[in-house]
Amino acid sequence: MNEPAAGSAGAVAERIIQLEAELESSGTATLGGDALAVQRAALHAWVDTVVAVVASPGVGRVTLIHANGQRSGIGSAQLPFLLSKPAAFE
């Protein structure tokens, strides 16, 4: 296998797969083309089931609450800040 460029999506995906393998869990990476379009469509449909969002910037986590009552957590350094209103000092 060719080594992906450092910081590229391929490098990040490969590192995640390696870390999951250490936990005896397998993963797959989809990096482009029609397969990525299918994955993105599935993600959009999944996000469309969200009825509430809890953004927790202090812990780097977003919790999605779906129409069926299930919760999904997303750990991210950026997403909670993107979803939070800026502080207002009056």
N, C-alpha and C. Protein backbone atom coordinates (compact mmCIF):
# COMPACT_ATOMS: atom_id res chain seq x y z
N MET A 1 0.84 -1.17 0.00
CA MET A 1 0.00 0.00 0.00
C MET A 1 0.89 1.23 0.00
N ASN A 2 0.51 2.25 -0.78
CA ASN A 2 1.25 3.51 -0.81
C ASN A 2 0.98 4.29 0.47
N GLU A 3 2.01 4.96 0.96
CA GLU A 3 1.86 5.77 2.16
C GLU A 3 1.14 7.07 1.81
N PRO A 4 0.03 7.40 2.47
CA PRO A 4 -0.64 8.67 2.21
C PRO A 4 0.16 9.83 2.78
N ALA A 5 -0.04 11.01 2.22
CA ALA A 5 0.65 12.20 2.71
C ALA A 5 0.22 12.50 4.14
N ALA A 6 1.18 12.94 4.94
CA ALA A 6 0.88 13.28 6.33
C ALA A 6 -0.21 14.34 6.37
N GLY A 7 -1.21 14.15 7.23
CA GLY A 7 -2.29 15.11 7.36
C GLY A 7 -3.39 14.94 6.34
N SER A 8 -3.20 14.08 5.37
CA SER A 8 -4.24 13.86 4.36
C SER A 8 -5.36 13.03 4.96
N ALA A 9 -6.53 13.05 4.29
CA ALA A 9 -7.65 12.23 4.76
C ALA A 9 -7.25 10.77 4.82
N GLY A 10 -6.47 10.32 3.84
CA GLY A 10 -6.03 8.92 3.83
C GLY A 10 -5.16 8.58 5.02
N ALA A 11 -4.26 9.49 5.38
CA ALA A 11 -3.39 9.27 6.54
C ALA A 11 -4.20 9.22 7.83
N VAL A 12 -5.13 10.15 7.96
CA VAL A 12 -5.97 10.18 9.16
C VAL A 12 -6.82 8.92 9.25
N ALA A 13 -7.43 8.53 8.13
CA ALA A 13 -8.27 7.32 8.11
C ALA A 13 -7.44 6.09 8.46
N GLU A 14 -6.26 5.99 7.89
CA GLU A 14 -5.39 4.84 8.17
C GLU A 14 -5.02 4.78 9.65
N ARG A 15 -4.74 5.92 10.26
CA ARG A 15 -4.38 5.95 11.68
C ARG A 15 -5.56 5.51 12.54
N ILE A 16 -6.75 5.96 12.19
CA ILE A 16 -7.95 5.55 12.95
C ILE A 16 -8.14 4.04 12.84
N ILE A 17 -7.99 3.50 11.65
CA ILE A 17 -8.14 2.05 11.46
C ILE A 17 -7.11 1.30 12.28
N GLN A 18 -5.86 1.79 12.31
CA GLN A 18 -4.82 1.15 13.11
C GLN A 18 -5.16 1.17 14.60
N LEU A 19 -5.65 2.31 15.08
CA LEU A 19 -6.01 2.41 16.49
C LEU A 19 -7.16 1.46 16.84
N GLU A 20 -8.16 1.37 15.95
CA GLU A 20 -9.28 0.46 16.20
C GLU A 20 -8.82 -0.99 16.17
N ALA A 21 -7.86 -1.30 15.32
CA ALA A 21 -7.34 -2.66 15.25
C ALA A 21 -6.67 -3.04 16.56
N GLU A 22 -6.03 -2.08 17.21
CA GLU A 22 -5.42 -2.33 18.52
C GLU A 22 -6.48 -2.68 19.55
N LEU A 23 -7.70 -2.23 19.34
CA LEU A 23 -8.81 -2.53 20.25
C LEU A 23 -9.59 -3.76 19.79
N GLU A 24 -9.03 -4.47 18.81
CA GLU A 24 -9.67 -5.64 18.23
C GLU A 24 -11.02 -5.31 17.61
N SER A 25 -11.09 -4.16 16.97
CA SER A 25 -12.28 -3.71 16.26
C SER A 25 -11.82 -3.26 14.88
N SER A 26 -12.56 -3.64 13.87
CA SER A 26 -12.13 -3.27 12.52
C SER A 26 -12.87 -2.04 12.02
N GLY A 27 -12.27 -1.38 11.06
CA GLY A 27 -12.88 -0.21 10.45
C GLY A 27 -12.57 -0.20 8.97
N THR A 28 -13.31 0.61 8.25
CA THR A 28 -13.06 0.79 6.83
C THR A 28 -13.03 2.28 6.54
N ALA A 29 -12.36 2.63 5.46
CA ALA A 29 -12.27 4.03 5.05
C ALA A 29 -12.84 4.18 3.64
N THR A 30 -13.62 5.23 3.45
CA THR A 30 -14.13 5.58 2.12
C THR A 30 -13.60 6.97 1.82
N LEU A 31 -12.78 7.06 0.77
CA LEU A 31 -12.05 8.30 0.52
C LEU A 31 -12.50 9.08 -0.71
N GLY A 32 -13.39 8.53 -1.51
CA GLY A 32 -13.81 9.31 -2.66
C GLY A 32 -14.71 8.54 -3.59
N GLY A 33 -15.08 9.19 -4.67
CA GLY A 33 -15.87 8.56 -5.72
C GLY A 33 -17.30 8.29 -5.31
N ASP A 34 -17.92 7.35 -6.04
CA ASP A 34 -19.32 7.00 -5.80
C ASP A 34 -19.55 6.46 -4.39
N ALA A 35 -18.58 5.71 -3.88
CA ALA A 35 -18.72 5.14 -2.54
C ALA A 35 -18.84 6.24 -1.49
N LEU A 36 -18.05 7.31 -1.65
CA LEU A 36 -18.14 8.42 -0.70
C LEU A 36 -19.47 9.15 -0.85
N ALA A 37 -19.95 9.28 -2.06
CA ALA A 37 -21.25 9.92 -2.28
C ALA A 37 -22.36 9.15 -1.57
N VAL A 38 -22.29 7.83 -1.61
CA VAL A 38 -23.28 6.98 -0.91
C VAL A 38 -23.17 7.19 0.59
N GLN A 39 -21.95 7.23 1.12
CA GLN A 39 -21.75 7.44 2.56
C GLN A 39 -22.28 8.80 2.99
N ARG A 40 -22.00 9.82 2.21
CA ARG A 40 -22.48 11.16 2.55
C ARG A 40 -24.00 11.24 2.53
N ALA A 41 -24.63 10.58 1.56
CA ALA A 41 -26.09 10.57 1.49
C ALA A 41 -26.67 9.88 2.72
N ALA A 42 -26.04 8.78 3.15
CA ALA A 42 -26.51 8.08 4.35
C ALA A 42 -26.36 8.97 5.58
N LEU A 43 -25.26 9.70 5.68
CA LEU A 43 -25.06 10.61 6.81
C LEU A 43 -26.09 11.74 6.81
N HIS A 44 -26.38 12.29 5.65
CA HIS A 44 -27.38 13.36 5.57
C HIS A 44 -28.76 12.86 6.01
N ALA A 45 -29.12 11.66 5.57
CA ALA A 45 -30.41 11.09 5.97
C ALA A 45 -30.44 10.85 7.48
N TRP A 46 -29.34 10.41 8.04
CA TRP A 46 -29.25 10.16 9.48
C TRP A 46 -29.37 11.47 10.25
N VAL A 47 -28.68 12.52 9.79
CA VAL A 47 -28.76 13.81 10.46
C VAL A 47 -30.17 14.38 10.38
N ASP A 48 -30.88 14.09 9.31
CA ASP A 48 -32.25 14.59 9.16
C ASP A 48 -33.20 14.01 10.20
N THR A 49 -32.79 12.97 10.93
CA THR A 49 -33.64 12.40 11.99
C THR A 49 -33.43 13.11 13.33
N VAL A 50 -32.52 14.08 13.38
CA VAL A 50 -32.20 14.78 14.62
C VAL A 50 -33.32 15.75 14.98
N VAL A 51 -33.76 15.67 16.25
CA VAL A 51 -34.81 16.58 16.74
C VAL A 51 -34.27 17.54 17.80
N ALA A 52 -33.05 17.29 18.30
CA ALA A 52 -32.44 18.18 19.29
C ALA A 52 -30.93 17.96 19.27
N VAL A 53 -30.20 19.02 19.64
CA VAL A 53 -28.74 18.97 19.66
C VAL A 53 -28.26 19.58 20.98
N VAL A 54 -27.34 18.91 21.64
CA VAL A 54 -26.69 19.45 22.83
C VAL A 54 -25.22 19.64 22.48
N ALA A 55 -24.77 20.89 22.42
CA ALA A 55 -23.37 21.20 22.15
C ALA A 55 -22.66 21.48 23.46
N SER A 56 -21.57 20.78 23.70
CA SER A 56 -20.79 20.94 24.94
C SER A 56 -19.34 21.26 24.60
N PRO A 57 -19.06 22.54 24.29
CA PRO A 57 -17.71 22.91 23.87
C PRO A 57 -16.64 22.59 24.92
N GLY A 58 -16.99 22.71 26.19
CA GLY A 58 -16.02 22.47 27.25
C GLY A 58 -15.48 21.06 27.28
N VAL A 59 -16.24 20.11 26.78
CA VAL A 59 -15.79 18.71 26.75
C VAL A 59 -15.59 18.20 25.33
N GLY A 60 -15.75 19.09 24.34
CA GLY A 60 -15.53 18.69 22.96
C GLY A 60 -16.50 17.62 22.48
N ARG A 61 -17.78 17.81 22.79
CA ARG A 61 -18.76 16.78 22.47
C ARG A 61 -20.07 17.42 22.01
N VAL A 62 -20.71 16.76 21.05
CA VAL A 62 -22.05 17.12 20.62
C VAL A 62 -22.90 15.87 20.74
N THR A 63 -24.06 16.01 21.35
CA THR A 63 -24.99 14.90 21.46
C THR A 63 -26.19 15.20 20.58
N LEU A 64 -26.51 14.27 19.70
CA LEU A 64 -27.68 14.39 18.84
C LEU A 64 -28.78 13.53 19.41
N ILE A 65 -29.98 14.07 19.47
CA ILE A 65 -31.14 13.31 19.92
C ILE A 65 -32.03 13.11 18.70
N HIS A 66 -32.28 11.84 18.39
CA HIS A 66 -33.01 11.48 17.19
C HIS A 66 -34.51 11.35 17.47
N ALA A 67 -35.31 11.38 16.42
CA ALA A 67 -36.77 11.30 16.54
C ALA A 67 -37.22 10.04 17.26
N ASN A 68 -36.45 8.96 17.16
CA ASN A 68 -36.83 7.71 17.83
C ASN A 68 -36.37 7.66 19.28
N GLY A 69 -35.79 8.76 19.79
CA GLY A 69 -35.36 8.83 21.18
C GLY A 69 -33.93 8.40 21.43
N GLN A 70 -33.29 7.84 20.42
CA GLN A 70 -31.90 7.42 20.60
C GLN A 70 -30.98 8.64 20.58
N ARG A 71 -29.82 8.47 21.21
CA ARG A 71 -28.81 9.52 21.23
C ARG A 71 -27.57 9.06 20.48
N SER A 72 -26.91 10.00 19.85
CA SER A 72 -25.63 9.75 19.20
C SER A 72 -24.66 10.81 19.66
N GLY A 73 -23.45 10.40 19.99
CA GLY A 73 -22.44 11.35 20.44
C GLY A 73 -21.36 11.53 19.40
N ILE A 74 -20.92 12.76 19.24
CA ILE A 74 -19.84 13.08 18.33
C ILE A 74 -18.76 13.82 19.13
N GLY A 75 -17.59 13.22 19.21
CA GLY A 75 -16.46 13.88 19.85
C GLY A 75 -15.73 14.71 18.82
N SER A 76 -15.58 16.01 19.07
CA SER A 76 -14.96 16.90 18.09
C SER A 76 -14.44 18.15 18.78
N ALA A 77 -13.26 18.56 18.40
CA ALA A 77 -12.72 19.81 18.95
C ALA A 77 -13.40 21.03 18.34
N GLN A 78 -13.92 20.90 17.11
CA GLN A 78 -14.48 22.05 16.40
C GLN A 78 -16.00 22.13 16.43
N LEU A 79 -16.68 21.01 16.24
CA LEU A 79 -18.13 21.02 16.05
C LEU A 79 -18.89 21.70 17.19
N PRO A 80 -18.59 21.45 18.46
CA PRO A 80 -19.37 22.12 19.52
C PRO A 80 -19.26 23.64 19.44
N PHE A 81 -18.11 24.15 19.02
CA PHE A 81 -17.95 25.59 18.90
C PHE A 81 -18.71 26.13 17.70
N LEU A 82 -18.76 25.35 16.61
CA LEU A 82 -19.51 25.77 15.43
C LEU A 82 -21.01 25.87 15.73
N LEU A 83 -21.48 25.05 16.66
CA LEU A 83 -22.90 25.01 16.99
C LEU A 83 -23.29 25.93 18.15
N SER A 84 -22.32 26.51 18.82
CA SER A 84 -22.58 27.37 19.98
C SER A 84 -22.67 28.83 19.59
N LYS A 85 -23.54 29.54 20.27
CA LYS A 85 -23.65 30.98 20.06
C LYS A 85 -22.44 31.66 20.74
N PRO A 86 -21.93 32.70 20.12
CA PRO A 86 -20.84 33.44 20.77
C PRO A 86 -21.34 34.07 22.07
N ALA A 87 -20.44 34.24 23.01
CA ALA A 87 -20.80 34.88 24.28
C ALA A 87 -21.15 36.35 24.02
N ALA A 88 -22.16 36.81 24.73
CA ALA A 88 -22.57 38.21 24.63
C ALA A 88 -22.48 38.84 26.02
N PHE A 89 -21.73 39.93 26.12
CA PHE A 89 -21.58 40.61 27.39
C PHE A 89 -22.34 41.93 27.31
N GLU A 90 -23.41 42.02 28.09
CA GLU A 90 -24.23 43.24 28.08
C GLU A 90 -24.09 44.02 29.33
